[in-house]
C-alpha atoms as a PDB file:
ATOM      1  CA  UNK A   1      -0.200 -34.831 -43.272  1.00  0.00           C
ATOM      2  CA  UNK A   2      -1.333 -31.216 -43.106  1.00  0.00           C
ATOM      3  CA  UNK A   3      -4.236 -31.583 -40.664  1.00  0.00           C
ATOM      4  CA  UNK A   4      -2.146 -32.531 -37.564  1.00  0.00           C
ATOM      5  CA  UNK A   5       0.127 -29.556 -38.200  1.00  0.00           C
ATOM      6  CA  UNK A   6      -2.857 -27.203 -38.316  1.00  0.00           C
ATOM      7  CA  UNK A   7      -4.293 -28.725 -35.143  1.00  0.00           C
ATOM      8  CA  UNK A   8      -0.999 -28.274 -33.309  1.00  0.00           C
ATOM      9  CA  UNK A   9      -0.796 -24.671 -34.434  1.00  0.00           C
ATOM     10  CA  UNK A  10      -4.335 -24.010 -33.246  1.00  0.00           C
ATOM     11  CA  UNK A  11      -3.522 -25.651 -29.908  1.00  0.00           C
ATOM     12  CA  UNK A  12      -0.474 -23.432 -29.444  1.00  0.00           C
ATOM     13  CA  UNK A  13      -2.566 -20.323 -30.164  1.00  0.00           C
ATOM     14  CA  UNK A  14      -5.189 -21.433 -27.671  1.00  0.00           C
ATOM     15  CA  UNK A  15      -2.571 -22.038 -25.002  1.00  0.00           C
ATOM     16  CA  UNK A  16      -1.006 -18.613 -25.614  1.00  0.00           C
ATOM     17  CA  UNK A  17      -4.425 -16.963 -25.408  1.00  0.00           C
ATOM     18  CA  UNK A  18      -5.226 -18.809 -22.199  1.00  0.00           C
ATOM     19  CA  UNK A  19      -1.927 -17.753 -20.644  1.00  0.00           C
ATOM     20  CA  UNK A  20      -2.497 -14.131 -21.616  1.00  0.00           C
ATOM     21  CA  UNK A  21      -6.039 -14.239 -20.247  1.00  0.00           C
ATOM     22  CA  UNK A  22      -4.869 -15.767 -16.972  1.00  0.00           C
ATOM     23  CA  UNK A  23      -2.214 -13.077 -16.461  1.00  0.00           C
ATOM     24  CA  UNK A  24      -4.696 -10.322 -17.194  1.00  0.00           C
ATOM     25  CA  UNK A  25      -7.214 -11.832 -14.826  1.00  0.00           C
ATOM     26  CA  UNK A  26      -4.610 -12.119 -12.039  1.00  0.00           C
ATOM     27  CA  UNK A  27      -3.690  -8.436 -12.384  1.00  0.00           C
ATOM     28  CA  UNK A  28      -7.342  -7.446 -12.452  1.00  0.00           C
ATOM     29  CA  UNK A  29      -8.031  -9.628  -9.433  1.00  0.00           C
ATOM     30  CA  UNK A  30      -5.337  -7.899  -7.381  1.00  0.00           C
ATOM     31  CA  UNK A  31      -6.692  -4.497  -8.436  1.00  0.00           C
ATOM     32  CA  UNK A  32     -10.207  -5.500  -7.377  1.00  0.00           C
ATOM     33  CA  UNK A  33      -8.857  -6.888  -4.092  1.00  0.00           C
ATOM     34  CA  UNK A  34      -7.168  -3.572  -3.315  1.00  0.00           C
ATOM     35  CA  UNK A  35     -10.273  -1.623  -4.275  1.00  0.00           C
ATOM     36  CA  UNK A  36     -12.392  -3.658  -1.857  1.00  0.00           C
ATOM     37  CA  UNK A  37      -9.899  -3.190   0.979  1.00  0.00           C
ATOM     38  CA  UNK A  38      -9.499   0.529   0.323  1.00  0.00           C
ATOM     39  CA  UNK A  39     -12.941   1.271   1.774  1.00  0.00           C
ATOM     40  CA  UNK A  40     -11.677   0.146   5.162  1.00  0.00           C
ATOM     41  CA  UNK A  41      -7.989   0.953   4.795  1.00  0.00           C
ATOM     42  CA  UNK A  42      -6.376   0.743   8.272  1.00  0.00           C
ATOM     43  CA  UNK A  43      -4.059   3.542   7.117  1.00  0.00           C
ATOM     44  CA  UNK A  44      -6.941   5.858   7.992  1.00  0.00           C
ATOM     45  CA  UNK A  45      -6.309   5.106  11.678  1.00  0.00           C
ATOM     46  CA  UNK A  46      -2.631   6.000  11.349  1.00  0.00           C
ATOM     47  CA  UNK A  47      -3.592   9.154   9.485  1.00  0.00           C
ATOM     48  CA  UNK A  48      -5.868  10.224  12.355  1.00  0.00           C
ATOM     49  CA  UNK A  49      -3.148   9.396  14.877  1.00  0.00           C
ATOM     50  CA  UNK A  50      -0.634  11.439  12.891  1.00  0.00           C
ATOM     51  CA  UNK A  51      -2.899  14.468  12.819  1.00  0.00           C
ATOM     52  CA  UNK A  52      -3.151  14.313  16.592  1.00  0.00           C
ATOM     53  CA  UNK A  53       0.618  13.982  16.953  1.00  0.00           C
ATOM     54  CA  UNK A  54       1.156  17.002  14.673  1.00  0.00           C
ATOM     55  CA  UNK A  55      -0.921  19.190  16.976  1.00  0.00           C
ATOM     56  CA  UNK A  56       0.039  17.654  20.319  1.00  0.00           C
ATOM     57  CA  UNK A  57       2.729  19.280  22.520  1.00  0.00           C
ATOM     58  CA  UNK A  58       5.377  16.601  23.029  1.00  0.00           C
ATOM     59  CA  UNK A  59       9.045  15.994  23.756  1.00  0.00           C
ATOM     60  CA  UNK A  60      11.470  17.667  26.164  1.00  0.00           C
ATOM     61  CA  UNK A  61      10.320  21.104  24.949  1.00  0.00           C
ATOM     62  CA  UNK A  62       6.618  20.194  25.251  1.00  0.00           C
ATOM     63  CA  UNK A  63       5.897  21.742  21.853  1.00  0.00           C
ATOM     64  CA  UNK A  64       3.820  20.763  18.842  1.00  0.00           C
ATOM     65  CA  UNK A  65       4.965  20.476  15.238  1.00  0.00           C
ATOM     66  CA  UNK A  66       2.652  23.289  14.127  1.00  0.00           C
ATOM     67  CA  UNK A  67       5.645  25.389  13.042  1.00  0.00           C
ATOM     68  CA  UNK A  68       7.432  22.613  11.172  1.00  0.00           C
ATOM     69  CA  UNK A  69       8.388  23.765   7.676  1.00  0.00           C
ATOM     70  CA  UNK A  70       8.014  20.940   5.163  1.00  0.00           C
ATOM     71  CA  UNK A  71       8.861  23.191   2.241  1.00  0.00           C
ATOM     72  CA  UNK A  72       5.626  25.160   1.902  1.00  0.00           C
ATOM     73  CA  UNK A  73       6.125  27.370   4.951  1.00  0.00           C
ATOM     74  CA  UNK A  74       5.795  26.804   8.716  1.00  0.00           C
ATOM     75  CA  UNK A  75       2.845  24.605   9.543  1.00  0.00           C
ATOM     76  CA  UNK A  76       1.690  24.065   5.947  1.00  0.00           C
ATOM     77  CA  UNK A  77       1.088  20.408   5.165  1.00  0.00           C
ATOM     78  CA  UNK A  78      -1.225  20.530   2.143  1.00  0.00           C
ATOM     79  CA  UNK A  79       0.809  19.973  -1.004  1.00  0.00           C
ATOM     80  CA  UNK A  80       4.076  19.390   0.852  1.00  0.00           C
ATOM     81  CA  UNK A  81       4.249  15.628   0.266  1.00  0.00           C
ATOM     82  CA  UNK A  82       4.218  15.843  -3.533  1.00  0.00           C
ATOM     83  CA  UNK A  83       7.263  18.138  -3.456  1.00  0.00           C
ATOM     84  CA  UNK A  84       9.506  15.981  -1.276  1.00  0.00           C
ATOM     85  CA  UNK A  85      12.412  15.197  -1.146  1.00  0.00           C
ATOM     86  CA  UNK A  86      13.750  18.713  -1.596  1.00  0.00           C
ATOM     87  CA  UNK A  87      16.628  20.922  -0.405  1.00  0.00           C
ATOM     88  CA  UNK A  88      16.252  22.746   2.932  1.00  0.00           C
ATOM     89  CA  UNK A  89      18.513  25.702   3.616  1.00  0.00           C
ATOM     90  CA  UNK A  90      18.312  25.395   7.413  1.00  0.00           C
ATOM     91  CA  UNK A  91      19.782  21.871   7.435  1.00  0.00           C
ATOM     92  CA  UNK A  92      21.760  22.316   4.201  1.00  0.00           C
ATOM     93  CA  UNK A  93      20.489  18.931   3.092  1.00  0.00           C
ATOM     94  CA  UNK A  94      18.061  17.356   0.679  1.00  0.00           C
ATOM     95  CA  UNK A  95      15.494  15.662   2.911  1.00  0.00           C
ATOM     96  CA  UNK A  96      12.518  13.390   2.380  1.00  0.00           C
ATOM     97  CA  UNK A  97       9.374  13.585   4.482  1.00  0.00           C
ATOM     98  CA  UNK A  98      10.529  11.301   7.271  1.00  0.00           C
ATOM     99  CA  UNK A  99      14.017  12.771   7.686  1.00  0.00           C
ATOM    100  CA  UNK A 100      12.523  16.276   7.607  1.00  0.00           C
ATOM    101  CA  UNK A 101      10.090  15.297  10.341  1.00  0.00           C
ATOM    102  CA  UNK A 102      13.032  14.149  12.456  1.00  0.00           C
ATOM    103  CA  UNK A 103      14.674  17.555  12.037  1.00  0.00           C
ATOM    104  CA  UNK A 104      11.484  19.286  13.174  1.00  0.00           C
ATOM    105  CA  UNK A 105      11.073  16.917  16.109  1.00  0.00           C
ATOM    106  CA  UNK A 106      14.599  17.769  17.203  1.00  0.00           C
ATOM    107  CA  UNK A 107      14.514  21.546  16.750  1.00  0.00           C
ATOM    108  CA  UNK A 108      10.924  22.163  17.851  1.00  0.00           C
ATOM    109  CA  UNK A 109      10.261  19.401  20.363  1.00  0.00           C
ATOM    110  CA  UNK A 110      13.721  18.543  21.665  1.00  0.00           C
ATOM    111  CA  UNK A 111      13.898  14.897  20.586  1.00  0.00           C
ATOM    112  CA  UNK A 112      17.308  13.486  19.671  1.00  0.00           C
ATOM    113  CA  UNK A 113      16.979  12.826  15.933  1.00  0.00           C
ATOM    114  CA  UNK A 114      19.970  10.467  15.846  1.00  0.00           C
ATOM    115  CA  UNK A 115      18.480   8.307  18.605  1.00  0.00           C
ATOM    116  CA  UNK A 116      15.132   8.120  16.818  1.00  0.00           C
ATOM    117  CA  UNK A 117      16.872   7.192  13.561  1.00  0.00           C
ATOM    118  CA  UNK A 118      18.674   4.340  15.321  1.00  0.00           C
ATOM    119  CA  UNK A 119      15.437   2.974  16.788  1.00  0.00           C
ATOM    120  CA  UNK A 120      14.277  -0.226  15.060  1.00  0.00           C
ATOM    121  CA  UNK A 121      11.519   0.272  12.505  1.00  0.00           C
ATOM    122  CA  UNK A 122       8.054   0.031  13.998  1.00  0.00           C
ATOM    123  CA  UNK A 123       9.017   0.824  17.575  1.00  0.00           C
ATOM    124  CA  UNK A 124       9.398   3.859  19.817  1.00  0.00           C
ATOM    125  CA  UNK A 125       9.304   7.240  18.154  1.00  0.00           C
ATOM    126  CA  UNK A 126       9.681   5.694  14.713  1.00  0.00           C
ATOM    127  CA  UNK A 127       6.053   4.563  15.009  1.00  0.00           C
ATOM    128  CA  UNK A 128       5.102   8.193  15.549  1.00  0.00           C
ATOM    129  CA  UNK A 129       7.113   9.335  12.528  1.00  0.00           C
ATOM    130  CA  UNK A 130       5.236   6.804  10.384  1.00  0.00           C
ATOM    131  CA  UNK A 131       1.877   8.045  11.664  1.00  0.00           C
ATOM    132  CA  UNK A 132       2.897  11.644  11.001  1.00  0.00           C
ATOM    133  CA  UNK A 133       3.944  10.678   7.476  1.00  0.00           C
ATOM    134  CA  UNK A 134       0.543   9.031   6.928  1.00  0.00           C
ATOM    135  CA  UNK A 135      -1.253  12.224   7.967  1.00  0.00           C
ATOM    136  CA  UNK A 136       0.927  14.544   5.890  1.00  0.00           C
ATOM    137  CA  UNK A 137       0.801  12.384   2.769  1.00  0.00           C
ATOM    138  CA  UNK A 138      -2.997  12.190   3.030  1.00  0.00           C
ATOM    139  CA  UNK A 139      -3.153  15.983   2.872  1.00  0.00           C
ATOM    140  CA  UNK A 140      -1.761  15.757  -0.683  1.00  0.00           C
ATOM    141  CA  UNK A 141      -3.843  12.797  -1.861  1.00  0.00           C
ATOM    142  CA  UNK A 142      -4.875  13.301  -5.486  1.00  0.00           C
ATOM    143  CA  UNK A 143      -2.243  15.965  -6.155  1.00  0.00           C
ATOM    144  CA  UNK A 144       0.413  15.604  -8.845  1.00  0.00           C
ATOM    145  CA  UNK A 145       4.066  15.040  -8.000  1.00  0.00           C
ATOM    146  CA  UNK A 146       6.222  18.014  -8.890  1.00  0.00           C
ATOM    147  CA  UNK A 147       9.500  17.831  -7.000  1.00  0.00           C
ATOM    148  CA  UNK A 148      11.837  20.807  -7.222  1.00  0.00           C
ATOM    149  CA  UNK A 149      15.008  19.791  -9.017  1.00  0.00           C
ATOM    150  CA  UNK A 150      16.726  23.090  -9.671  1.00  0.00           C
ATOM    151  CA  UNK A 151      19.350  23.523  -6.945  1.00  0.00           C
ATOM    152  CA  UNK A 152      22.821  22.019  -7.237  1.00  0.00           C
ATOM    153  CA  UNK A 153      22.104  19.837  -4.221  1.00  0.00           C
ATOM    154  CA  UNK A 154      18.879  18.461  -5.685  1.00  0.00           C
ATOM    155  CA  UNK A 155      20.377  17.790  -9.097  1.00  0.00           C
ATOM    156  CA  UNK A 156      23.391  16.097  -7.537  1.00  0.00           C
ATOM    157  CA  UNK A 157      21.288  13.835  -5.342  1.00  0.00           C
ATOM    158  CA  UNK A 158      19.057  12.913  -8.283  1.00  0.00           C
ATOM    159  CA  UNK A 159      22.124  11.710 -10.203  1.00  0.00           C
ATOM    160  CA  UNK A 160      23.388   9.823  -7.141  1.00  0.00           C
ATOM    161  CA  UNK A 161      19.979   8.166  -6.798  1.00  0.00           C
ATOM    162  CA  UNK A 162      20.007   7.211 -10.464  1.00  0.00           C
ATOM    163  CA  UNK A 163      23.393   5.515 -10.111  1.00  0.00           C
ATOM    164  CA  UNK A 164      22.247   3.655  -7.002  1.00  0.00           C
ATOM    165  CA  UNK A 165      19.083   2.530  -8.793  1.00  0.00           C
ATOM    166  CA  UNK A 166      21.079   0.855 -11.580  1.00  0.00           C
ATOM    167  CA  UNK A 167      23.997  -0.386  -9.454  1.00  0.00           C
ATOM    168  CA  UNK A 168      24.237  -4.172  -9.449  1.00  0.00           C
ATOM    169  CA  UNK A 169      25.862  -5.791  -6.433  1.00  0.00           C
ATOM    170  CA  UNK A 170      25.330  -8.221  -3.583  1.00  0.00           C
ATOM    171  CA  UNK A 171      25.253 -11.996  -3.533  1.00  0.00           C
ATOM    172  CA  UNK A 172      22.566 -12.126  -6.266  1.00  0.00           C
ATOM    173  CA  UNK A 173      23.948  -9.320  -8.451  1.00  0.00           C
ATOM    174  CA  UNK A 174      20.671  -7.401  -8.153  1.00  0.00           C
ATOM    175  CA  UNK A 175      19.877  -3.738  -8.607  1.00  0.00           C
ATOM    176  CA  UNK A 176      16.671  -1.780  -8.131  1.00  0.00           C
ATOM    177  CA  UNK A 177      16.404  -1.824 -11.931  1.00  0.00           C
ATOM    178  CA  UNK A 178      16.386  -5.640 -11.934  1.00  0.00           C
ATOM    179  CA  UNK A 179      12.748  -5.487 -10.862  1.00  0.00           C
ATOM    180  CA  UNK A 180      11.727  -1.913 -11.655  1.00  0.00           C
ATOM    181  CA  UNK A 181      13.681  -0.881 -14.732  1.00  0.00           C
ATOM    182  CA  UNK A 182      11.362  -2.077 -17.501  1.00  0.00           C
ATOM    183  CA  UNK A 183       7.692  -2.210 -18.437  1.00  0.00           C
ATOM    184  CA  UNK A 184       5.511  -5.328 -18.116  1.00  0.00           C
ATOM    185  CA  UNK A 185       7.501  -7.140 -15.440  1.00  0.00           C
ATOM    186  CA  UNK A 186       5.980  -9.107 -12.601  1.00  0.00           C
ATOM    187  CA  UNK A 187       6.917 -11.338  -9.691  1.00  0.00           C
ATOM    188  CA  UNK A 188       4.441 -14.121  -8.921  1.00  0.00           C
ATOM    189  CA  UNK A 189       1.076 -12.329  -9.409  1.00  0.00           C
ATOM    190  CA  UNK A 190       2.443  -8.880  -8.611  1.00  0.00           C
ATOM    191  CA  UNK A 191       2.921  -6.304 -11.350  1.00  0.00           C
ATOM    192  CA  UNK A 192       6.199  -4.408 -10.956  1.00  0.00           C
ATOM    193  CA  UNK A 193       5.993  -0.727 -11.927  1.00  0.00           C
ATOM    194  CA  UNK A 194       8.718   0.786 -14.074  1.00  0.00           C
ATOM    195  CA  UNK A 195      10.171   3.368 -11.694  1.00  0.00           C
ATOM    196  CA  UNK A 196      12.404   5.044 -14.269  1.00  0.00           C
ATOM    197  CA  UNK A 197       9.551   7.154 -15.610  1.00  0.00           C
ATOM    198  CA  UNK A 198       5.917   8.110 -15.122  1.00  0.00           C
ATOM    199  CA  UNK A 199       3.298   6.706 -14.763  1.00  0.00           C
ATOM    200  CA  UNK A 200       5.170   3.767 -13.195  1.00  0.00           C
ATOM    201  CA  UNK A 201       7.204   5.949 -10.848  1.00  0.00           C
ATOM    202  CA  UNK A 202       4.062   7.751  -9.754  1.00  0.00           C
ATOM    203  CA  UNK A 203       2.254   4.480  -9.070  1.00  0.00           C
ATOM    204  CA  UNK A 204       5.201   3.100  -7.075  1.00  0.00           C
ATOM    205  CA  UNK A 205       6.626   6.133  -5.300  1.00  0.00           C
ATOM    206  CA  UNK A 206       3.213   7.769  -4.903  1.00  0.00           C
ATOM    207  CA  UNK A 207       1.708   4.941  -2.850  1.00  0.00           C
ATOM    208  CA  UNK A 208       3.942   5.097   0.238  1.00  0.00           C
ATOM    209  CA  UNK A 209       3.321   5.364   3.187  1.00  0.00           C
ATOM    210  CA  UNK A 210       1.050   2.339   2.898  1.00  0.00           C
ATOM    211  CA  UNK A 211      -0.626  -0.261   5.080  1.00  0.00           C
ATOM    212  CA  UNK A 212       0.618  -3.796   4.322  1.00  0.00           C
ATOM    213  CA  UNK A 213      -2.150  -6.363   4.709  1.00  0.00           C
ATOM    214  CA  UNK A 214       0.309  -9.277   4.627  1.00  0.00           C
ATOM    215  CA  UNK A 215       1.978  -8.287   7.884  1.00  0.00           C
ATOM    216  CA  UNK A 216      -0.530  -5.862   9.419  1.00  0.00           C
ATOM    217  CA  UNK A 217       1.954  -2.995   9.513  1.00  0.00           C
ATOM    218  CA  UNK A 218       2.087   0.592   8.341  1.00  0.00           C
ATOM    219  CA  UNK A 219       5.227   1.270   6.301  1.00  0.00           C
ATOM    220  CA  UNK A 220       6.777   4.579   5.375  1.00  0.00           C
ATOM    221  CA  UNK A 221       9.024   5.064   2.349  1.00  0.00           C
ATOM    222  CA  UNK A 222      12.149   4.638   4.465  1.00  0.00           C
ATOM    223  CA  UNK A 223      11.109   1.129   5.526  1.00  0.00           C
ATOM    224  CA  UNK A 224       9.960   0.300   1.979  1.00  0.00           C
ATOM    225  CA  UNK A 225      13.390   1.170   0.574  1.00  0.00           C
ATOM    226  CA  UNK A 226      15.209  -0.658   3.359  1.00  0.00           C
ATOM    227  CA  UNK A 227      13.162  -3.767   2.616  1.00  0.00           C
ATOM    228  CA  UNK A 228      14.088  -3.497  -1.066  1.00  0.00           C
ATOM    229  CA  UNK A 229      17.730  -3.581  -0.002  1.00  0.00           C
ATOM    230  CA  UNK A 230      16.991  -6.656   2.121  1.00  0.00           C
ATOM    231  CA  UNK A 231      15.478  -8.432  -0.872  1.00  0.00           C
ATOM    232  CA  UNK A 232      18.596  -7.594  -2.895  1.00  0.00           C
ATOM    233  CA  UNK A 233      20.656  -9.174  -0.080  1.00  0.00           C
ATOM    234  CA  UNK A 234      22.273  -5.807   0.694  1.00  0.00           C
ATOM    235  CA  UNK A 235      22.927  -4.550   4.239  1.00  0.00           C
ATOM    236  CA  UNK A 236      20.243  -2.181   5.543  1.00  0.00           C
ATOM    237  CA  UNK A 237      21.185   1.429   4.706  1.00  0.00           C
ATOM    238  CA  UNK A 238      19.337   2.504   7.899  1.00  0.00           C
ATOM    239  CA  UNK A 239      16.743   5.196   8.480  1.00  0.00           C
ATOM    240  CA  UNK A 240      17.287   8.528   6.736  1.00  0.00           C
ATOM    241  CA  UNK A 241      20.517   7.467   5.042  1.00  0.00           C
ATOM    242  CA  UNK A 242      21.909   9.472   2.133  1.00  0.00           C
ATOM    243  CA  UNK A 243      21.322   6.438  -0.108  1.00  0.00           C
ATOM    244  CA  UNK A 244      17.598   6.155   0.635  1.00  0.00           C
ATOM    245  CA  UNK A 245      17.020   9.895   0.252  1.00  0.00           C
ATOM    246  CA  UNK A 246      18.935   9.900  -3.041  1.00  0.00           C
ATOM    247  CA  UNK A 247      16.749   7.048  -4.278  1.00  0.00           C
ATOM    248  CA  UNK A 248      13.674   8.948  -3.126  1.00  0.00           C
ATOM    249  CA  UNK A 249      14.845  11.992  -5.054  1.00  0.00           C
ATOM    250  CA  UNK A 250      15.352   9.935  -8.208  1.00  0.00           C
ATOM    251  CA  UNK A 251      11.978   8.204  -7.936  1.00  0.00           C
ATOM    252  CA  UNK A 252      10.133  11.371  -6.964  1.00  0.00           C
ATOM    253  CA  UNK A 253      11.447  13.424  -9.876  1.00  0.00           C
ATOM    254  CA  UNK A 254      10.629  10.554 -12.233  1.00  0.00           C
ATOM    255  CA  UNK A 255       7.095  10.530 -10.819  1.00  0.00           C
ATOM    256  CA  UNK A 256       6.376  14.063 -12.060  1.00  0.00           C
ATOM    257  CA  UNK A 257       2.761  14.364 -13.114  1.00  0.00           C
ATOM    258  CA  UNK A 258       1.778  11.144 -11.331  1.00  0.00           C
ATOM    259  CA  UNK A 259      -1.001  11.292  -8.769  1.00  0.00           C
ATOM    260  CA  UNK A 260      -0.327  10.600  -5.101  1.00  0.00           C
ATOM    261  CA  UNK A 261      -2.583   7.929  -3.586  1.00  0.00           C
ATOM    262  CA  UNK A 262      -0.783   7.731  -0.236  1.00  0.00           C
ATOM    263  CA  UNK A 263      -1.409   6.476   2.319  1.00  0.00           C
ATOM    264  CA  UNK A 264      -2.322   3.456   0.228  1.00  0.00           C
ATOM    265  CA  UNK A 265      -2.984  -0.204   0.960  1.00  0.00           C
ATOM    266  CA  UNK A 266      -0.697  -3.008  -0.195  1.00  0.00           C
ATOM    267  CA  UNK A 267      -0.876  -6.778  -0.100  1.00  0.00           C
END
């Protein structure tokens, strides 16, 4: 009577091993898929477009963005991305890359920032903001995230972002933490990074802007966060909202020490 029991036990072990192997292979397969696509990442085209837009005189004032201060001084783009969001004294706000670009487009070029923010994602001047974000993020590729978190405004927004991250609500009682609050979680074949700490926060936050192969679009962090809200069955918080910037502050501070790979490529 002992032999069947042993055989069943062996079978269970084999099944467990096969399941583990299959999961590992799926994760490796996705990594290899991304590596192959990275050689011809279409984000490179948006990056080149963004560099041209940065230097090109545009808008009602026919001016370039060469004097835009992203936190490192007027016109300095290298290293700026890995220190955003941050507090800006001129606007008296904590701003992420995209909302800061809107401020510069308004003050330097004469665009109406509120009108651009209301434009649907992927159209009008929002397309240009995404291209600019691709260029600026590329200038910090390989650098380590090190967001300033010393001012009252920055510390406050970090705490707000943390509360939003763990807040459960909506028709499905989801929060950001439902998918990104623990290690070793996945949806279908997709690994879900733990965004509460590094290296997960660096891998998640540090990849956007990114080109999405599945829909052939370039997405900035603002659209990525809005789509997360959509998947939670929340209303869109809209472009440059306090909620999205607070979340960006929380994720960015958590990403400290992680390496930026933006603009990346996603499935």
